[in-house]
Amino acid sequence: MSTIQIRLNGEPYTLESTVDTPASAADLVEQLGLSDRRIAVEINEAIVPKSQLAETHLAEGDEIEIVHAIGGG
């Protein structure tokens, strides 16, 4: 298992990976329990489409912002 330090919504966060490959943005979303939510992910000031989260690998020091939509009226 490996870990990397990132900044998640402005706060330090340790991301764990149980495989030998780098953790992906999809791994982070799953670890946060947000897989079934409508979310937007920004990595180092670039928005990453949901269809590309699994292919987008995270690195030490990445700055990630995740927001999710809340419906209402």
PDB file of N, CA and C in Angstrom:
ATOM      1  N   MET A   1       0.844  -1.177   0.000  1.00  0.00           N
ATOM      2  CA  MET A   1       0.000   0.000   0.000  1.00  0.00           C
ATOM      3  C   MET A   1       0.888   1.238   0.000  1.00  0.00           C
ATOM      4  N   SER A   2       0.460   2.263  -0.741  1.00  0.00           N
ATOM      5  CA  SER A   2       1.216   3.503  -0.778  1.00  0.00           C
ATOM      6  C   SER A   2       0.291   4.672  -0.449  1.00  0.00           C
ATOM      7  N   THR A   3       0.879   5.775  -0.066  1.00  0.00           N
ATOM      8  CA  THR A   3       0.097   6.973   0.237  1.00  0.00           C
ATOM      9  C   THR A   3       0.730   8.177  -0.445  1.00  0.00           C
ATOM     10  N   ILE A   4      -0.097   9.162  -0.753  1.00  0.00           N
ATOM     11  CA  ILE A   4       0.391  10.443  -1.232  1.00  0.00           C
ATOM     12  C   ILE A   4      -0.344  11.536  -0.475  1.00  0.00           C
ATOM     13  N   GLN A   5       0.317  12.663  -0.337  1.00  0.00           N
ATOM     14  CA  GLN A   5      -0.278  13.828   0.321  1.00  0.00           C
ATOM     15  C   GLN A   5      -0.776  14.780  -0.751  1.00  0.00           C
ATOM     16  N   ILE A   6      -2.040  15.164  -0.655  1.00  0.00           N
ATOM     17  CA  ILE A   6      -2.639  16.122  -1.569  1.00  0.00           C
ATOM     18  C   ILE A   6      -3.335  17.191  -0.740  1.00  0.00           C
ATOM     19  N   ARG A   7      -3.860  18.206  -1.414  1.00  0.00           N
ATOM     20  CA  ARG A   7      -4.720  19.191  -0.753  1.00  0.00           C
ATOM     21  C   ARG A   7      -6.103  18.997  -1.331  1.00  0.00           C
ATOM     22  N   LEU A   8      -7.062  18.729  -0.468  1.00  0.00           N
ATOM     23  CA  LEU A   8      -8.433  18.479  -0.874  1.00  0.00           C
ATOM     24  C   LEU A   8      -9.310  19.584  -0.321  1.00  0.00           C
ATOM     25  N   ASN A   9      -9.890  20.369  -1.203  1.00  0.00           N
ATOM     26  CA  ASN A   9     -10.725  21.508  -0.804  1.00  0.00           C
ATOM     27  C   ASN A   9      -9.994  22.389   0.214  1.00  0.00           C
ATOM     28  N   GLY A  10      -8.704  22.615  -0.055  1.00  0.00           N
ATOM     29  CA  GLY A  10      -7.898  23.515   0.764  1.00  0.00           C
ATOM     30  C   GLY A  10      -7.293  22.917   2.014  1.00  0.00           C
ATOM     31  N   GLU A  11      -7.557  21.648   2.286  1.00  0.00           N
ATOM     32  CA  GLU A  11      -7.047  21.003   3.500  1.00  0.00           C
ATOM     33  C   GLU A  11      -6.108  19.854   3.136  1.00  0.00           C
ATOM     34  N   PRO A  12      -5.087  19.594   3.960  1.00  0.00           N
ATOM     35  CA  PRO A  12      -4.213  18.448   3.713  1.00  0.00           C
ATOM     36  C   PRO A  12      -5.013  17.143   3.778  1.00  0.00           C
ATOM     37  N   TYR A  13      -4.688  16.210   2.901  1.00  0.00           N
ATOM     38  CA  TYR A  13      -5.393  14.929   2.850  1.00  0.00           C
ATOM     39  C   TYR A  13      -4.413  13.848   2.422  1.00  0.00           C
ATOM     40  N   THR A  14      -4.472  12.710   3.092  1.00  0.00           N
ATOM     41  CA  THR A  14      -3.649  11.569   2.729  1.00  0.00           C
ATOM     42  C   THR A  14      -4.492  10.587   1.938  1.00  0.00           C
ATOM     43  N   LEU A  15      -4.066  10.309   0.719  1.00  0.00           N
ATOM     44  CA  LEU A  15      -4.779   9.386  -0.161  1.00  0.00           C
ATOM     45  C   LEU A  15      -4.042   8.060  -0.168  1.00  0.00           C
ATOM     46  N   GLU A  16      -4.759   7.001   0.140  1.00  0.00           N
ATOM     47  CA  GLU A  16      -4.165   5.666   0.183  1.00  0.00           C
ATOM     48  C   GLU A  16      -4.502   4.899  -1.084  1.00  0.00           C
ATOM     49  N   SER A  17      -3.541   4.122  -1.544  1.00  0.00           N
ATOM     50  CA  SER A  17      -3.743   3.271  -2.711  1.00  0.00           C
ATOM     51  C   SER A  17      -3.305   1.861  -2.339  1.00  0.00           C
ATOM     52  N   THR A  18      -4.147   0.891  -2.619  1.00  0.00           N
ATOM     53  CA  THR A  18      -3.822  -0.494  -2.259  1.00  0.00           C
ATOM     54  C   THR A  18      -3.177  -1.244  -3.408  1.00  0.00           C
ATOM     55  N   VAL A  19      -2.999  -0.591  -4.526  1.00  0.00           N
ATOM     56  CA  VAL A  19      -2.368  -1.224  -5.682  1.00  0.00           C
ATOM     57  C   VAL A  19      -1.060  -0.522  -5.989  1.00  0.00           C
ATOM     58  N   ASP A  20      -0.274  -1.113  -6.875  1.00  0.00           N
ATOM     59  CA  ASP A  20       1.035  -0.552  -7.198  1.00  0.00           C
ATOM     60  C   ASP A  20       0.964   0.618  -8.174  1.00  0.00           C
ATOM     61  N   THR A  21      -0.195   0.832  -8.782  1.00  0.00           N
ATOM     62  CA  THR A  21      -0.327   1.944  -9.709  1.00  0.00           C
ATOM     63  C   THR A  21      -0.706   3.204  -8.950  1.00  0.00           C
ATOM     64  N   PRO A  22      -0.418   4.367  -9.530  1.00  0.00           N
ATOM     65  CA  PRO A  22      -0.796   5.610  -8.848  1.00  0.00           C
ATOM     66  C   PRO A  22      -2.301   5.700  -8.656  1.00  0.00           C
ATOM     67  N   ALA A  23      -2.705   6.338  -7.573  1.00  0.00           N
ATOM     68  CA  ALA A  23      -4.133   6.529  -7.302  1.00  0.00           C
ATOM     69  C   ALA A  23      -4.718   7.452  -8.366  1.00  0.00           C
ATOM     70  N   SER A  24      -5.951   7.173  -8.738  1.00  0.00           N
ATOM     71  CA  SER A  24      -6.627   8.009  -9.728  1.00  0.00           C
ATOM     72  C   SER A  24      -7.630   8.921  -9.031  1.00  0.00           C
ATOM     73  N   ALA A  25      -8.130   9.884  -9.789  1.00  0.00           N
ATOM     74  CA  ALA A  25      -9.177  10.763  -9.265  1.00  0.00           C
ATOM     75  C   ALA A  25     -10.418   9.947  -8.919  1.00  0.00           C
ATOM     76  N   ALA A  26     -10.692   8.894  -9.692  1.00  0.00           N
ATOM     77  CA  ALA A  26     -11.832   8.020  -9.394  1.00  0.00           C
ATOM     78  C   ALA A  26     -11.641   7.304  -8.062  1.00  0.00           C
ATOM     79  N   ASP A  27     -10.397   6.900  -7.753  1.00  0.00           N
ATOM     80  CA  ASP A  27     -10.108   6.264  -6.463  1.00  0.00           C
ATOM     81  C   ASP A  27     -10.430   7.229  -5.319  1.00  0.00           C
ATOM     82  N   LEU A  28     -10.048   8.489  -5.481  1.00  0.00           N
ATOM     83  CA  LEU A  28     -10.321   9.492  -4.450  1.00  0.00           C
ATOM     84  C   LEU A  28     -11.820   9.677  -4.264  1.00  0.00           C
ATOM     85  N   VAL A  29     -12.546   9.806  -5.372  1.00  0.00           N
ATOM     86  CA  VAL A  29     -13.999   9.991  -5.298  1.00  0.00           C
ATOM     87  C   VAL A  29     -14.640   8.806  -4.580  1.00  0.00           C
ATOM     88  N   GLU A  30     -14.181   7.598  -4.892  1.00  0.00           N
ATOM     89  CA  GLU A  30     -14.721   6.400  -4.237  1.00  0.00           C
ATOM     90  C   GLU A  30     -14.375   6.388  -2.751  1.00  0.00           C
ATOM     91  N   GLN A  31     -13.133   6.728  -2.421  1.00  0.00           N
ATOM     92  CA  GLN A  31     -12.701   6.742  -1.020  1.00  0.00           C
ATOM     93  C   GLN A  31     -13.520   7.741  -0.195  1.00  0.00           C
ATOM     94  N   LEU A  32     -13.963   8.815  -0.843  1.00  0.00           N
ATOM     95  CA  LEU A  32     -14.762   9.835  -0.156  1.00  0.00           C
ATOM     96  C   LEU A  32     -16.246   9.479  -0.106  1.00  0.00           C
ATOM     97  N   GLY A  33     -16.632   8.388  -0.770  1.00  0.00           N
ATOM     98  CA  GLY A  33     -18.034   7.976  -0.774  1.00  0.00           C
ATOM     99  C   GLY A  33     -18.913   8.837  -1.665  1.00  0.00           C
ATOM    100  N   LEU A  34     -18.322   9.411  -2.705  1.00  0.00           N
ATOM    101  CA  LEU A  34     -19.060  10.309  -3.590  1.00  0.00           C
ATOM    102  C   LEU A  34     -19.327   9.717  -4.965  1.00  0.00           C
ATOM    103  N   SER A  35     -19.116   8.432  -5.135  1.00  0.00           N
ATOM    104  CA  SER A  35     -19.233   7.796  -6.453  1.00  0.00           C
ATOM    105  C   SER A  35     -20.611   7.960  -7.078  1.00  0.00           C
ATOM    106  N   ASP A  36     -21.648   7.962  -6.271  1.00  0.00           N
ATOM    107  CA  ASP A  36     -23.006   8.027  -6.816  1.00  0.00           C
ATOM    108  C   ASP A  36     -23.600   9.438  -6.782  1.00  0.00           C
ATOM    109  N   ARG A  37     -22.774  10.424  -6.535  1.00  0.00           N
ATOM    110  CA  ARG A  37     -23.239  11.811  -6.441  1.00  0.00           C
ATOM    111  C   ARG A  37     -22.902  12.582  -7.719  1.00  0.00           C
ATOM    112  N   ARG A  38     -23.656  13.648  -7.937  1.00  0.00           N
ATOM    113  CA  ARG A  38     -23.342  14.568  -9.039  1.00  0.00           C
ATOM    114  C   ARG A  38     -22.280  15.529  -8.525  1.00  0.00           C
ATOM    115  N   ILE A  39     -21.062  15.375  -9.031  1.00  0.00           N
ATOM    116  CA  ILE A  39     -19.944  16.168  -8.535  1.00  0.00           C
ATOM    117  C   ILE A  39     -19.175  16.795  -9.690  1.00  0.00           C
ATOM    118  N   ALA A  40     -18.367  17.782  -9.341  1.00  0.00           N
ATOM    119  CA  ALA A  40     -17.400  18.368 -10.263  1.00  0.00           C
ATOM    120  C   ALA A  40     -16.035  18.246  -9.588  1.00  0.00           C
ATOM    121  N   VAL A  41     -15.028  17.832 -10.363  1.00  0.00           N
ATOM    122  CA  VAL A  41     -13.680  17.648  -9.829  1.00  0.00           C
ATOM    123  C   VAL A  41     -12.726  18.562 -10.592  1.00  0.00           C
ATOM    124  N   GLU A  42     -11.950  19.312  -9.827  1.00  0.00           N
ATOM    125  CA  GLU A  42     -10.935  20.189 -10.404  1.00  0.00           C
ATOM    126  C   GLU A  42      -9.592  19.771  -9.822  1.00  0.00           C
ATOM    127  N   ILE A  43      -8.612  19.541 -10.684  1.00  0.00           N
ATOM    128  CA  ILE A  43      -7.280  19.157 -10.248  1.00  0.00           C
ATOM    129  C   ILE A  43      -6.296  20.189 -10.775  1.00  0.00           C
ATOM    130  N   ASN A  44      -5.586  20.820  -9.857  1.00  0.00           N
ATOM    131  CA  ASN A  44      -4.616  21.859 -10.209  1.00  0.00           C
ATOM    132  C   ASN A  44      -5.229  22.890 -11.165  1.00  0.00           C
ATOM    133  N   GLU A  45      -6.431  23.351 -10.811  1.00  0.00           N
ATOM    134  CA  GLU A  45      -7.160  24.405 -11.512  1.00  0.00           C
ATOM    135  C   GLU A  45      -7.689  23.997 -12.884  1.00  0.00           C
ATOM    136  N   ALA A  46      -7.754  22.694 -13.172  1.00  0.00           N
ATOM    137  CA  ALA A  46      -8.324  22.211 -14.431  1.00  0.00           C
ATOM    138  C   ALA A  46      -9.475  21.259 -14.116  1.00  0.00           C
ATOM    139  N   ILE A  47     -10.638  21.522 -14.696  1.00  0.00           N
ATOM    140  CA  ILE A  47     -11.789  20.652 -14.482  1.00  0.00           C
ATOM    141  C   ILE A  47     -11.568  19.340 -15.216  1.00  0.00           C
ATOM    142  N   VAL A  48     -11.840  18.233 -14.525  1.00  0.00           N
ATOM    143  CA  VAL A  48     -11.690  16.900 -15.105  1.00  0.00           C
ATOM    144  C   VAL A  48     -13.080  16.313 -15.315  1.00  0.00           C
ATOM    145  N   PRO A  49     -13.430  16.000 -16.575  1.00  0.00           N
ATOM    146  CA  PRO A  49     -14.738  15.391 -16.822  1.00  0.00           C
ATOM    147  C   PRO A  49     -14.873  14.054 -16.107  1.00  0.00           C
ATOM    148  N   LYS A  50     -16.077  13.748 -15.672  1.00  0.00           N
ATOM    149  CA  LYS A  50     -16.328  12.500 -14.943  1.00  0.00           C
ATOM    150  C   LYS A  50     -15.861  11.284 -15.744  1.00  0.00           C
ATOM    151  N   SER A  51     -15.981  11.349 -17.053  1.00  0.00           N
ATOM    152  CA  SER A  51     -15.572  10.233 -17.913  1.00  0.00           C
ATOM    153  C   SER A  51     -14.062  10.005 -17.901  1.00  0.00           C
ATOM    154  N   GLN A  52     -13.280  10.972 -17.404  1.00  0.00           N
ATOM    155  CA  GLN A  52     -11.825  10.844 -17.391  1.00  0.00           C
ATOM    156  C   GLN A  52     -11.235  10.651 -15.995  1.00  0.00           C
ATOM    157  N   LEU A  53     -12.079  10.538 -14.974  1.00  0.00           N
ATOM    158  CA  LEU A  53     -11.570  10.411 -13.602  1.00  0.00           C
ATOM    159  C   LEU A  53     -10.708   9.171 -13.415  1.00  0.00           C
ATOM    160  N   ALA A  54     -11.093   8.045 -14.001  1.00  0.00           N
ATOM    161  CA  ALA A  54     -10.341   6.798 -13.816  1.00  0.00           C
ATOM    162  C   ALA A  54      -8.962   6.859 -14.468  1.00  0.00           C
ATOM    163  N   GLU A  55      -8.820   7.637 -15.549  1.00  0.00           N
ATOM    164  CA  GLU A  55      -7.537   7.738 -16.247  1.00  0.00           C
ATOM    165  C   GLU A  55      -6.659   8.862 -15.716  1.00  0.00           C
ATOM    166  N   THR A  56      -7.189   9.673 -14.820  1.00  0.00           N
ATOM    167  CA  THR A  56      -6.453  10.821 -14.297  1.00  0.00           C
ATOM    168  C   THR A  56      -5.766  10.428 -12.997  1.00  0.00           C
ATOM    169  N   HIS A  57      -4.448  10.234 -13.073  1.00  0.00           N
ATOM    170  CA  HIS A  57      -3.677   9.817 -11.903  1.00  0.00           C
ATOM    171  C   HIS A  57      -3.280  11.028 -11.071  1.00  0.00           C
ATOM    172  N   LEU A  58      -3.278  10.832  -9.775  1.00  0.00           N
ATOM    173  CA  LEU A  58      -2.938  11.899  -8.837  1.00  0.00           C
ATOM    174  C   LEU A  58      -1.486  11.770  -8.408  1.00  0.00           C
ATOM    175  N   ALA A  59      -0.884  12.908  -8.102  1.00  0.00           N
ATOM    176  CA  ALA A  59       0.518  12.935  -7.691  1.00  0.00           C
ATOM    177  C   ALA A  59       0.656  13.715  -6.387  1.00  0.00           C
ATOM    178  N   GLU A  60       1.752  13.479  -5.712  1.00  0.00           N
ATOM    179  CA  GLU A  60       2.076  14.181  -4.472  1.00  0.00           C
ATOM    180  C   GLU A  60       1.941  15.685  -4.684  1.00  0.00           C
ATOM    181  N   GLY A  61       1.194  16.348  -3.795  1.00  0.00           N
ATOM    182  CA  GLY A  61       1.062  17.795  -3.835  1.00  0.00           C
ATOM    183  C   GLY A  61      -0.046  18.325  -4.723  1.00  0.00           C
ATOM    184  N   ASP A  62      -0.770  17.455  -5.430  1.00  0.00           N
ATOM    185  CA  ASP A  62      -1.880  17.922  -6.259  1.00  0.00           C
ATOM    186  C   ASP A  62      -2.895  18.666  -5.400  1.00  0.00           C
ATOM    187  N   GLU A  63      -3.508  19.686  -5.995  1.00  0.00           N
ATOM    188  CA  GLU A  63      -4.563  20.437  -5.324  1.00  0.00           C
ATOM    189  C   GLU A  63      -5.881  20.091  -5.996  1.00  0.00           C
ATOM    190  N   ILE A  64      -6.787  19.509  -5.223  1.00  0.00           N
ATOM    191  CA  ILE A  64      -8.050  19.017  -5.749  1.00  0.00           C
ATOM    192  C   ILE A  64      -9.202  19.729  -5.062  1.00  0.00           C
ATOM    193  N   GLU A  65     -10.159  20.154  -5.869  1.00  0.00           N
ATOM    194  CA  GLU A  65     -11.406  20.720  -5.357  1.00  0.00           C
ATOM    195  C   GLU A  65     -12.528  19.809  -5.842  1.00  0.00           C
ATOM    196  N   ILE A  66     -13.397  19.409  -4.929  1.00  0.00           N
ATOM    197  CA  ILE A  66     -14.554  18.609  -5.299  1.00  0.00           C
ATOM    198  C   ILE A  66     -15.789  19.307  -4.737  1.00  0.00           C
ATOM    199  N   VAL A  67     -16.743  19.543  -5.614  1.00  0.00           N
ATOM    200  CA  VAL A  67     -18.013  20.120  -5.182  1.00  0.00           C
ATOM    201  C   VAL A  67     -19.121  19.215  -5.687  1.00  0.00           C
ATOM    202  N   HIS A  68     -20.222  19.147  -4.937  1.00  0.00           N
ATOM    203  CA  HIS A  68     -21.344  18.363  -5.412  1.00  0.00           C
ATOM    204  C   HIS A  68     -22.604  19.218  -5.406  1.00  0.00           C
ATOM    205  N   ALA A  69     -23.445  18.909  -6.389  1.00  0.00           N
ATOM    206  CA  ALA A  69     -24.678  19.670  -6.557  1.00  0.00           C
ATOM    207  C   ALA A  69     -25.702  19.287  -5.511  1.00  0.00           C
ATOM    208  N   ILE A  70     -26.386  20.288  -5.017  1.00  0.00           N
ATOM    209  CA  ILE A  70     -27.473  20.050  -4.061  1.00  0.00           C
ATOM    210  C   ILE A  70     -28.723  20.656  -4.680  1.00  0.00           C
ATOM    211  N   GLY A  71     -29.717  19.809  -4.916  1.00  0.00           N
ATOM    212  CA  GLY A  71     -30.955  20.274  -5.532  1.00  0.00           C
ATOM    213  C   GLY A  71     -31.866  20.944  -4.516  1.00  0.00           C
ATOM    214  N   GLY A  72     -32.717  21.740  -5.000  1.00  0.00           N
ATOM    215  CA  GLY A  72     -33.673  22.403  -4.119  1.00  0.00           C
ATOM    216  C   GLY A  72     -34.370  23.538  -4.866  1.00  0.00           C
ATOM    217  N   GLY A  73     -35.231  24.167  -4.179  1.00  0.00           N
ATOM    218  CA  GLY A  73     -35.927  25.234  -4.889  1.00  0.00           C
ATOM    219  C   GLY A  73     -36.398  26.307  -3.962  1.00  0.00           C
TER     220      GLY A  73
END
